[in-house]
Amino acid sequence: MDLAEGKFRMEGSKGSVLVMNISGVILGMILGFFLLSVRLIFSPILFIVLVVVLISYMSWDYFNWRRNGVRALELDDNGIDLYKGEEKKLTRIEAKDITGMNISNKLGRRVVTIFTGGSAVKPLPGITFFTGPRIRVPEDAFDPKEFGVFIEKIRKFGSLSQQG
C-alpha cells in the first residue's frame, strides 16, 4: 500500500462516545415505550426495568471504552498503531499478522474488526459471530468522515497484506 501522504492518523473523543450512548438510551426509551404501548402490555415497572437495563449497559459500554477502547490509530505501510485506554497504551499490529477483516454497518453504526488469527462466522444473514484474537474499532468515538477514509484505507491495506 502506498500512503503518499505518510501515516493516516485518526483521533477519537470522549464526547462522541458519550453522545452516542446518551442517544442510545433516549432512543431505547422511546422504542421501549412505543413497543410496550402498541402491544398493550405497558407496565410502569416493566418500562423502568427496561430503562435501568439500558442505562446500565450504556454506562458499562462507556466506561469500558474509557478503560480499553481505541482512542487513536495510525495506519502506515507496515501496519497499524492502536492507542487504547486512558493511558493510550500502544498496540502495534503488523501487516503480516492481519488474517482478515470484517467491516459491518448495522443500524448506521460502522465497526471495523481486524483479525489477528480469528475469523467471522455468519450462520444467518445479519448475525455474525467472531472467534479468536481480534481488535474492534467502532465509529462511535471518531468523526464519521474520518472513519470513512479509515475504512477505505484499511480495505486497501487488508487486501494488500493478504496477498503478501
Protein backbone atom coordinates (compact mmCIF):
# COMPACT_ATOMS: atom_id res chain seq x y z
CA MET A 1 0.00 0.00 0.00
CA ASP A 2 1.28 3.43 -0.82
CA LEU A 3 0.44 6.12 1.69
CA ALA A 4 1.89 9.04 -0.22
CA GLU A 5 0.86 11.47 2.49
CA GLY A 6 2.63 9.38 5.17
CA LYS A 7 0.74 7.97 8.10
CA PHE A 8 -3.02 8.24 8.31
CA ARG A 9 -3.96 9.27 11.86
CA MET A 10 -7.39 9.33 13.44
CA GLU A 11 -8.11 10.59 16.97
CA GLY A 12 -11.24 9.79 18.96
CA SER A 13 -13.11 11.86 21.51
CA LYS A 14 -14.83 11.03 24.82
CA GLY A 15 -17.63 13.44 23.92
CA SER A 16 -18.58 11.47 20.81
CA VAL A 17 -18.86 8.20 22.72
CA LEU A 18 -20.89 9.86 25.48
CA VAL A 19 -23.28 11.48 22.96
CA MET A 20 -23.74 8.13 21.17
CA ASN A 21 -24.53 6.35 24.46
CA ILE A 22 -26.95 9.05 25.66
CA SER A 23 -28.65 8.99 22.24
CA GLY A 24 -28.92 5.21 22.51
CA VAL A 25 -30.59 5.48 25.91
CA ILE A 26 -33.08 8.09 24.68
CA LEU A 27 -33.91 6.15 21.51
CA GLY A 28 -34.17 2.92 23.50
CA MET A 29 -36.59 4.55 25.94
CA ILE A 30 -38.75 5.86 23.09
CA LEU A 31 -38.70 2.49 21.31
CA GLY A 32 -39.44 0.61 24.55
CA PHE A 33 -42.35 2.91 25.37
CA PHE A 34 -43.71 2.54 21.84
CA LEU A 35 -43.42 -1.26 21.80
CA LEU A 36 -44.96 -1.64 25.25
CA SER A 37 -47.81 0.72 24.34
CA VAL A 38 -48.57 -0.88 20.98
CA ARG A 39 -48.68 -4.38 22.44
CA LEU A 40 -50.98 -3.09 25.20
CA ILE A 41 -48.76 -4.57 27.90
CA PHE A 42 -47.48 -1.25 29.14
CA SER A 43 -46.45 -1.51 32.74
CA PRO A 44 -44.52 1.20 34.57
CA ILE A 45 -42.41 -1.46 36.31
CA LEU A 46 -41.54 -3.19 33.02
CA PHE A 47 -40.64 0.17 31.48
CA ILE A 48 -38.45 1.10 34.48
CA VAL A 49 -36.68 -2.26 34.30
CA LEU A 50 -36.07 -1.73 30.58
CA VAL A 51 -34.66 1.76 31.22
CA VAL A 52 -32.41 0.55 34.08
CA VAL A 53 -31.04 -2.28 31.93
CA LEU A 54 -30.44 0.12 29.02
CA ILE A 55 -28.71 2.74 31.20
CA SER A 56 -26.61 0.03 32.88
CA TYR A 57 -25.47 -1.39 29.54
CA MET A 58 -24.68 2.03 28.04
CA SER A 59 -22.79 3.06 31.19
CA TRP A 60 -20.77 -0.16 31.09
CA ASP A 61 -20.06 0.41 27.39
CA TYR A 62 -18.82 3.96 28.01
CA PHE A 63 -16.58 3.07 30.97
CA ASN A 64 -15.25 0.00 29.18
CA TRP A 65 -14.33 2.21 26.20
CA ARG A 66 -12.59 4.67 28.53
CA ARG A 67 -10.57 1.84 30.07
CA ASN A 68 -9.83 -0.32 26.99
CA GLY A 69 -11.21 1.34 23.85
CA VAL A 70 -9.29 2.54 20.82
CA ARG A 71 -8.63 6.27 21.36
CA ALA A 72 -6.45 6.90 18.31
CA LEU A 73 -4.87 4.96 15.49
CA GLU A 74 -2.18 5.39 12.89
CA LEU A 75 -2.06 3.44 9.67
CA ASP A 76 1.19 3.23 7.71
CA ASP A 77 2.70 0.96 5.03
CA ASN A 78 3.77 -1.70 7.55
CA GLY A 79 0.88 -1.92 9.98
CA ILE A 80 -1.44 -0.20 12.41
CA ASP A 81 -0.63 1.53 15.71
CA LEU A 82 -3.60 1.48 18.10
CA TYR A 83 -3.65 3.72 21.18
CA LYS A 84 -6.00 2.20 23.74
CA GLY A 85 -7.46 3.28 27.07
CA GLU A 86 -6.90 6.39 29.21
CA GLU A 87 -3.12 5.91 29.06
CA LYS A 88 -3.22 5.50 25.27
CA LYS A 89 -1.26 2.27 25.55
CA LEU A 90 0.32 1.42 22.20
CA THR A 91 -0.59 -1.83 20.44
CA ARG A 92 1.14 -2.48 17.12
CA ILE A 93 -0.38 -4.80 14.52
CA GLU A 94 2.00 -5.65 11.70
CA ALA A 95 0.53 -6.10 8.21
CA LYS A 96 1.73 -9.70 8.07
CA ASP A 97 -0.19 -10.53 11.28
CA ILE A 98 -3.58 -9.50 9.88
CA THR A 99 -5.51 -12.62 8.91
CA GLY A 100 -8.72 -10.91 7.86
CA MET A 101 -11.20 -8.09 8.40
CA ASN A 102 -14.90 -7.59 8.84
CA ILE A 103 -16.46 -4.20 8.17
CA SER A 104 -20.05 -4.03 9.32
CA ASN A 105 -22.71 -1.34 9.14
CA LYS A 106 -25.67 -2.13 11.38
CA LEU A 107 -28.25 0.49 12.28
CA GLY A 108 -25.96 3.23 10.97
CA ARG A 109 -23.09 2.18 13.26
CA ARG A 110 -19.94 1.12 11.45
CA VAL A 111 -17.46 -1.24 13.09
CA VAL A 112 -14.14 -2.50 11.72
CA THR A 113 -12.97 -5.81 13.18
CA ILE A 114 -9.34 -6.66 12.44
CA PHE A 115 -8.47 -10.33 12.88
CA THR A 116 -5.03 -11.41 14.05
CA GLY A 117 -5.77 -15.12 14.00
CA GLY A 118 -9.54 -15.19 14.40
CA SER A 119 -12.36 -15.23 11.90
CA ALA A 120 -16.00 -14.26 11.37
CA VAL A 121 -18.75 -16.89 11.24
CA LYS A 122 -22.06 -15.82 9.65
CA PRO A 123 -24.65 -18.54 10.33
CA LEU A 124 -27.59 -16.36 9.22
CA PRO A 125 -27.87 -13.06 7.35
CA GLY A 126 -27.42 -10.18 9.81
CA ILE A 127 -25.83 -12.37 12.50
CA THR A 128 -22.07 -12.57 12.87
CA PHE A 129 -20.03 -14.40 15.50
CA PHE A 130 -16.31 -13.78 15.94
CA THR A 131 -13.67 -16.27 17.03
CA GLY A 132 -10.04 -15.87 18.02
CA PRO A 133 -7.93 -12.77 18.56
CA ARG A 134 -9.25 -9.55 17.07
CA ILE A 135 -9.40 -5.79 17.53
CA ARG A 136 -12.70 -3.88 17.21
CA VAL A 137 -12.67 -0.27 16.09
CA PRO A 138 -16.20 1.19 16.34
CA GLU A 139 -17.10 4.50 14.74
CA ASP A 140 -18.61 5.90 17.95
CA ALA A 141 -15.54 7.85 19.10
CA PHE A 142 -14.43 9.13 15.71
CA ASP A 143 -15.53 11.70 13.18
CA PRO A 144 -17.75 9.92 10.61
CA LYS A 145 -15.93 11.41 7.60
CA GLU A 146 -12.52 10.41 9.01
CA PHE A 147 -13.85 6.96 9.78
CA GLY A 148 -14.98 6.64 6.15
CA VAL A 149 -11.45 7.46 5.00
CA PHE A 150 -10.10 4.93 7.51
CA ILE A 151 -12.40 2.24 6.06
CA GLU A 152 -11.21 2.99 2.51
CA LYS A 153 -7.56 2.81 3.57
CA ILE A 154 -7.97 -0.28 5.72
CA ARG A 155 -9.73 -2.11 2.86
CA LYS A 156 -6.76 -1.46 0.57
CA PHE A 157 -4.37 -2.23 3.39
CA GLY A 158 -6.13 -5.50 4.20
CA SER A 159 -6.21 -6.72 0.61
CA LEU A 160 -2.52 -5.98 0.14
CA SER A 161 -1.47 -7.54 3.46
CA GLN A 162 -3.31 -10.75 2.50
CA GLN A 163 -1.55 -11.01 -0.87
CA GLY A 164 1.96 -10.93 0.55
